[in-house]
N, C-alpha and C. Protein backbone atom coordinates (compact mmCIF):
# COMPACT_ATOMS: atom_id res chain seq x y z
N MET A 1 0.84 -1.18 0.00
CA MET A 1 0.00 0.00 0.00
C MET A 1 0.89 1.25 0.00
N THR A 2 0.61 2.18 -0.88
CA THR A 2 1.42 3.39 -0.96
C THR A 2 0.77 4.50 -0.15
N ASN A 3 1.60 5.39 0.33
CA ASN A 3 1.13 6.55 1.07
C ASN A 3 0.77 7.64 0.06
N ARG A 4 -0.48 8.02 -0.01
CA ARG A 4 -0.89 9.00 -1.00
C ARG A 4 -0.37 10.40 -0.69
N HIS A 5 0.21 10.57 0.50
CA HIS A 5 0.81 11.85 0.85
C HIS A 5 2.31 11.89 0.59
N ALA A 6 2.88 10.77 0.14
CA ALA A 6 4.32 10.70 -0.12
C ALA A 6 4.66 11.33 -1.47
N PHE A 7 5.80 12.02 -1.51
CA PHE A 7 6.30 12.57 -2.76
C PHE A 7 6.93 11.45 -3.58
N ASP A 8 6.78 11.51 -4.91
CA ASP A 8 7.46 10.56 -5.78
C ASP A 8 8.97 10.77 -5.74
N THR A 9 9.39 12.03 -5.62
CA THR A 9 10.81 12.36 -5.52
C THR A 9 11.00 13.31 -4.35
N PRO A 10 11.92 12.99 -3.43
CA PRO A 10 12.15 13.86 -2.28
C PRO A 10 12.70 15.23 -2.69
N VAL A 11 12.53 16.18 -1.80
CA VAL A 11 13.04 17.53 -2.00
C VAL A 11 13.90 17.88 -0.78
N VAL A 12 15.06 18.45 -1.02
CA VAL A 12 15.89 18.96 0.07
C VAL A 12 15.85 20.48 -0.01
N LEU A 13 15.42 21.11 1.10
CA LEU A 13 15.42 22.58 1.18
C LEU A 13 16.52 23.01 2.13
N GLU A 14 17.16 24.12 1.81
CA GLU A 14 18.13 24.71 2.72
C GLU A 14 17.56 26.04 3.20
N ILE A 15 17.38 26.13 4.51
CA ILE A 15 16.81 27.34 5.13
C ILE A 15 17.72 27.74 6.29
N ASP A 16 18.24 28.95 6.23
CA ASP A 16 19.12 29.47 7.28
C ASP A 16 20.26 28.51 7.63
N GLY A 17 20.86 27.91 6.60
CA GLY A 17 21.99 27.01 6.82
C GLY A 17 21.61 25.60 7.24
N ASN A 18 20.33 25.33 7.44
CA ASN A 18 19.87 23.99 7.81
C ASN A 18 19.22 23.34 6.59
N ARG A 19 19.48 22.04 6.42
CA ARG A 19 18.86 21.32 5.31
C ARG A 19 17.75 20.42 5.83
N PHE A 20 16.67 20.38 5.06
CA PHE A 20 15.50 19.58 5.42
C PHE A 20 15.21 18.60 4.28
N PHE A 21 15.13 17.31 4.61
CA PHE A 21 14.87 16.25 3.65
C PHE A 21 13.37 15.97 3.71
N LEU A 22 12.65 16.36 2.68
CA LEU A 22 11.19 16.30 2.69
C LEU A 22 10.71 15.21 1.74
N THR A 23 9.94 14.26 2.27
CA THR A 23 9.49 13.13 1.47
C THR A 23 7.98 13.03 1.39
N SER A 24 7.27 13.94 2.05
CA SER A 24 5.81 13.83 2.08
C SER A 24 5.16 15.19 2.29
N VAL A 25 3.86 15.20 2.11
CA VAL A 25 3.07 16.41 2.36
C VAL A 25 3.19 16.82 3.82
N ASP A 26 3.20 15.84 4.72
CA ASP A 26 3.34 16.16 6.15
C ASP A 26 4.69 16.81 6.46
N ASP A 27 5.76 16.30 5.84
CA ASP A 27 7.08 16.93 6.00
C ASP A 27 7.07 18.37 5.48
N ALA A 28 6.46 18.54 4.31
CA ALA A 28 6.40 19.87 3.70
C ALA A 28 5.64 20.84 4.59
N ARG A 29 4.50 20.41 5.10
CA ARG A 29 3.69 21.29 5.94
C ARG A 29 4.43 21.67 7.22
N GLU A 30 5.11 20.69 7.83
CA GLU A 30 5.88 21.00 9.04
C GLU A 30 6.97 22.02 8.75
N CYS A 31 7.67 21.84 7.63
CA CYS A 31 8.73 22.76 7.24
C CYS A 31 8.16 24.15 6.97
N LEU A 32 7.06 24.20 6.25
CA LEU A 32 6.42 25.49 5.96
C LEU A 32 6.01 26.20 7.25
N ASP A 33 5.41 25.47 8.17
CA ASP A 33 4.92 26.07 9.42
C ASP A 33 6.03 26.48 10.36
N ALA A 34 7.04 25.62 10.51
CA ALA A 34 8.04 25.83 11.56
C ALA A 34 9.30 26.54 11.11
N TYR A 35 9.70 26.39 9.85
CA TYR A 35 11.03 26.86 9.45
C TYR A 35 11.06 27.82 8.28
N PHE A 36 9.98 27.95 7.57
CA PHE A 36 10.02 28.74 6.34
C PHE A 36 10.27 30.21 6.66
N PRO A 37 11.18 30.86 5.90
CA PRO A 37 11.56 32.23 6.22
C PRO A 37 10.53 33.29 5.83
N GLU A 38 9.72 33.01 4.84
CA GLU A 38 8.76 34.00 4.32
C GLU A 38 7.36 33.41 4.39
N LYS A 39 6.58 33.88 5.39
CA LYS A 39 5.26 33.29 5.61
C LYS A 39 4.11 34.21 5.21
N THR A 40 4.39 35.19 4.39
CA THR A 40 3.33 36.12 4.00
C THR A 40 3.06 36.17 2.50
N GLY A 41 3.94 35.62 1.71
CA GLY A 41 3.80 35.72 0.26
C GLY A 41 2.73 34.80 -0.31
N ALA A 42 2.32 35.11 -1.51
CA ALA A 42 1.29 34.33 -2.20
C ALA A 42 1.75 32.89 -2.44
N SER A 43 3.02 32.70 -2.77
CA SER A 43 3.53 31.35 -3.03
C SER A 43 3.51 30.51 -1.76
N TYR A 44 3.87 31.11 -0.63
CA TYR A 44 3.82 30.40 0.66
C TYR A 44 2.39 29.98 0.97
N LYS A 45 1.47 30.92 0.85
CA LYS A 45 0.06 30.63 1.16
C LYS A 45 -0.48 29.54 0.25
N ARG A 46 -0.11 29.57 -1.02
CA ARG A 46 -0.56 28.55 -1.97
C ARG A 46 -0.01 27.17 -1.58
N ALA A 47 1.25 27.11 -1.16
CA ALA A 47 1.85 25.84 -0.74
C ALA A 47 1.12 25.28 0.49
N VAL A 48 0.83 26.14 1.45
CA VAL A 48 0.09 25.70 2.65
C VAL A 48 -1.30 25.19 2.27
N GLU A 49 -1.99 25.92 1.42
CA GLU A 49 -3.33 25.51 0.98
C GLU A 49 -3.29 24.19 0.21
N THR A 50 -2.29 24.02 -0.64
CA THR A 50 -2.19 22.80 -1.43
C THR A 50 -1.89 21.59 -0.53
N CYS A 51 -1.04 21.78 0.48
CA CYS A 51 -0.78 20.70 1.44
C CYS A 51 -2.07 20.34 2.18
N ALA A 52 -2.81 21.34 2.60
CA ALA A 52 -4.07 21.08 3.32
C ALA A 52 -5.06 20.35 2.41
N SER A 53 -5.14 20.74 1.15
CA SER A 53 -6.05 20.08 0.21
C SER A 53 -5.67 18.61 0.03
N CYS A 54 -4.38 18.34 -0.07
CA CYS A 54 -3.93 16.96 -0.23
C CYS A 54 -4.30 16.14 1.00
N ARG A 55 -4.06 16.69 2.18
CA ARG A 55 -4.38 15.98 3.41
C ARG A 55 -5.89 15.74 3.54
N ALA A 56 -6.68 16.61 2.93
CA ALA A 56 -8.14 16.45 2.96
C ALA A 56 -8.64 15.52 1.86
N GLY A 57 -7.73 15.04 1.02
CA GLY A 57 -8.12 14.12 -0.04
C GLY A 57 -8.53 14.78 -1.33
N ILE A 58 -8.32 16.08 -1.44
CA ILE A 58 -8.74 16.82 -2.64
C ILE A 58 -7.58 16.98 -3.62
N GLY A 59 -6.41 17.37 -3.11
CA GLY A 59 -5.25 17.61 -3.97
C GLY A 59 -4.33 16.41 -4.01
N THR A 60 -3.22 16.56 -4.71
CA THR A 60 -2.24 15.48 -4.84
C THR A 60 -0.92 15.85 -4.17
N ALA A 61 -0.15 14.84 -3.82
CA ALA A 61 1.17 15.07 -3.24
C ALA A 61 2.08 15.77 -4.24
N ASP A 62 1.94 15.43 -5.52
CA ASP A 62 2.76 16.08 -6.55
C ASP A 62 2.47 17.58 -6.61
N ALA A 63 1.21 17.95 -6.52
CA ALA A 63 0.86 19.38 -6.52
C ALA A 63 1.44 20.08 -5.29
N ALA A 64 1.39 19.41 -4.15
CA ALA A 64 1.96 20.00 -2.92
C ALA A 64 3.47 20.18 -3.07
N ARG A 65 4.14 19.18 -3.66
CA ARG A 65 5.60 19.27 -3.86
C ARG A 65 5.95 20.42 -4.79
N VAL A 66 5.19 20.56 -5.87
CA VAL A 66 5.47 21.63 -6.83
C VAL A 66 5.25 23.01 -6.19
N THR A 67 4.17 23.18 -5.44
CA THR A 67 3.93 24.49 -4.82
C THR A 67 4.95 24.78 -3.73
N LEU A 68 5.45 23.74 -3.06
CA LEU A 68 6.53 23.92 -2.08
C LEU A 68 7.78 24.44 -2.79
N ILE A 69 8.12 23.87 -3.92
CA ILE A 69 9.29 24.30 -4.67
C ILE A 69 9.14 25.75 -5.15
N VAL A 70 7.96 26.10 -5.62
CA VAL A 70 7.71 27.48 -6.06
C VAL A 70 7.85 28.44 -4.88
N ALA A 71 7.32 28.06 -3.72
CA ALA A 71 7.45 28.91 -2.53
C ALA A 71 8.92 29.05 -2.12
N ALA A 72 9.67 27.96 -2.21
CA ALA A 72 11.10 28.02 -1.88
C ALA A 72 11.83 28.96 -2.83
N MET A 73 11.51 28.86 -4.12
CA MET A 73 12.13 29.76 -5.09
C MET A 73 11.79 31.21 -4.78
N ALA A 74 10.53 31.48 -4.47
CA ALA A 74 10.10 32.85 -4.18
C ALA A 74 10.78 33.40 -2.92
N ALA A 75 11.06 32.52 -1.96
CA ALA A 75 11.70 32.95 -0.71
C ALA A 75 13.22 32.96 -0.80
N GLY A 76 13.76 32.54 -1.95
CA GLY A 76 15.21 32.54 -2.13
C GLY A 76 15.91 31.38 -1.45
N CYS A 77 15.18 30.31 -1.16
CA CYS A 77 15.77 29.13 -0.53
C CYS A 77 16.40 28.23 -1.58
N ARG A 78 17.54 27.66 -1.25
CA ARG A 78 18.14 26.67 -2.12
C ARG A 78 17.35 25.37 -1.98
N PHE A 79 17.23 24.65 -3.07
CA PHE A 79 16.53 23.37 -3.02
C PHE A 79 17.11 22.43 -4.05
N GLU A 80 16.84 21.14 -3.83
CA GLU A 80 17.25 20.12 -4.80
C GLU A 80 16.16 19.05 -4.82
N VAL A 81 15.73 18.70 -6.01
CA VAL A 81 14.80 17.59 -6.19
C VAL A 81 15.65 16.36 -6.43
N ILE A 82 15.46 15.33 -5.62
CA ILE A 82 16.33 14.16 -5.64
C ILE A 82 15.64 13.02 -6.40
N GLU A 83 16.12 12.73 -7.59
CA GLU A 83 15.53 11.67 -8.39
C GLU A 83 16.32 10.37 -8.30
N ASP A 84 17.58 10.44 -7.90
CA ASP A 84 18.43 9.26 -7.79
C ASP A 84 18.36 8.70 -6.37
N ARG A 85 17.98 7.44 -6.23
CA ARG A 85 17.82 6.82 -4.91
C ARG A 85 19.12 6.84 -4.10
N GLN A 86 20.25 6.57 -4.73
CA GLN A 86 21.53 6.58 -4.02
C GLN A 86 21.84 7.98 -3.50
N ARG A 87 21.62 8.98 -4.34
CA ARG A 87 21.85 10.38 -3.92
C ARG A 87 20.93 10.73 -2.75
N ALA A 88 19.69 10.26 -2.78
CA ALA A 88 18.75 10.53 -1.69
C ALA A 88 19.27 9.94 -0.38
N LEU A 89 19.77 8.71 -0.42
CA LEU A 89 20.29 8.09 0.80
C LEU A 89 21.53 8.83 1.31
N GLU A 90 22.40 9.25 0.40
CA GLU A 90 23.59 9.99 0.81
C GLU A 90 23.22 11.31 1.47
N LEU A 91 22.28 12.04 0.86
CA LEU A 91 21.87 13.32 1.43
C LEU A 91 21.18 13.15 2.77
N LEU A 92 20.32 12.15 2.87
CA LEU A 92 19.63 11.90 4.14
C LEU A 92 20.64 11.61 5.24
N THR A 93 21.65 10.81 4.94
CA THR A 93 22.69 10.50 5.92
C THR A 93 23.44 11.77 6.32
N GLU A 94 23.84 12.58 5.35
CA GLU A 94 24.54 13.84 5.64
C GLU A 94 23.71 14.74 6.55
N ILE A 95 22.44 14.88 6.25
CA ILE A 95 21.56 15.76 7.02
C ILE A 95 21.41 15.25 8.45
N GLU A 96 21.24 13.95 8.62
CA GLU A 96 21.10 13.39 9.96
C GLU A 96 22.38 13.57 10.77
N VAL A 97 23.54 13.42 10.14
CA VAL A 97 24.82 13.63 10.83
C VAL A 97 24.93 15.10 11.25
N GLU A 98 24.57 16.02 10.36
CA GLU A 98 24.61 17.44 10.69
C GLU A 98 23.72 17.75 11.89
N LYS A 99 22.52 17.20 11.91
CA LYS A 99 21.60 17.42 13.03
C LYS A 99 22.20 16.90 14.33
N GLY A 100 22.80 15.71 14.26
CA GLY A 100 23.42 15.13 15.44
C GLY A 100 24.56 15.97 15.97
N LEU A 101 25.39 16.47 15.06
CA LEU A 101 26.51 17.32 15.47
C LEU A 101 26.01 18.62 16.08
N ARG A 102 24.99 19.23 15.46
CA ARG A 102 24.44 20.47 16.01
C ARG A 102 23.90 20.26 17.41
N SER A 103 23.17 19.17 17.62
CA SER A 103 22.58 18.95 18.94
C SER A 103 23.65 18.60 19.97
N ALA A 104 24.75 17.98 19.55
CA ALA A 104 25.83 17.65 20.47
C ALA A 104 26.66 18.87 20.84
N LEU A 105 26.79 19.82 19.90
CA LEU A 105 27.67 20.97 20.13
C LEU A 105 26.95 22.21 20.66
N PHE A 106 25.67 22.37 20.31
CA PHE A 106 24.97 23.61 20.64
C PHE A 106 23.75 23.34 21.49
N ASP A 107 23.47 24.29 22.40
CA ASP A 107 22.25 24.17 23.21
C ASP A 107 21.06 24.71 22.41
N SER A 108 19.88 24.69 22.99
CA SER A 108 18.68 25.08 22.26
C SER A 108 18.66 26.54 21.87
N ASP A 109 19.48 27.38 22.50
CA ASP A 109 19.56 28.80 22.17
C ASP A 109 20.64 29.09 21.11
N GLY A 110 21.35 28.07 20.67
CA GLY A 110 22.38 28.24 19.66
C GLY A 110 23.76 28.49 20.22
N GLY A 111 23.89 28.51 21.55
CA GLY A 111 25.19 28.68 22.17
C GLY A 111 25.92 27.36 22.30
N LEU A 112 27.22 27.42 22.46
CA LEU A 112 28.00 26.19 22.63
C LEU A 112 27.63 25.50 23.92
N GLN A 113 27.54 24.16 23.85
CA GLN A 113 27.31 23.36 25.04
C GLN A 113 28.52 23.48 25.95
N SER A 114 28.31 23.51 27.24
CA SER A 114 29.45 23.52 28.16
C SER A 114 29.98 22.10 28.28
N MET A 115 31.27 21.99 28.29
CA MET A 115 31.91 20.67 28.35
C MET A 115 32.27 20.32 29.75
């Protein structure tokens, strides 16, 4: 059984130096809500609406992915659509290692952890 909210091809967004590996409408919506730098533009609003439509069974995951990419472009975020499975695994591993290093080195306020 396939997840109708899953993207056919993952998207990696870079926002404020952090990379996000997005594989589904739920990932996209969380990124839009919590991390997106520009939350007032028409492209952002369209991406949020398209994700909501997909979750309600009206829209498609592909439409949500495309509107997410358009919103990222409008906000000046770097992105990559990952079509190669090996590249996707490599990027996911890199991103998880980066997250682990950040949490080990920095506290929740962004300051260095005391040793």
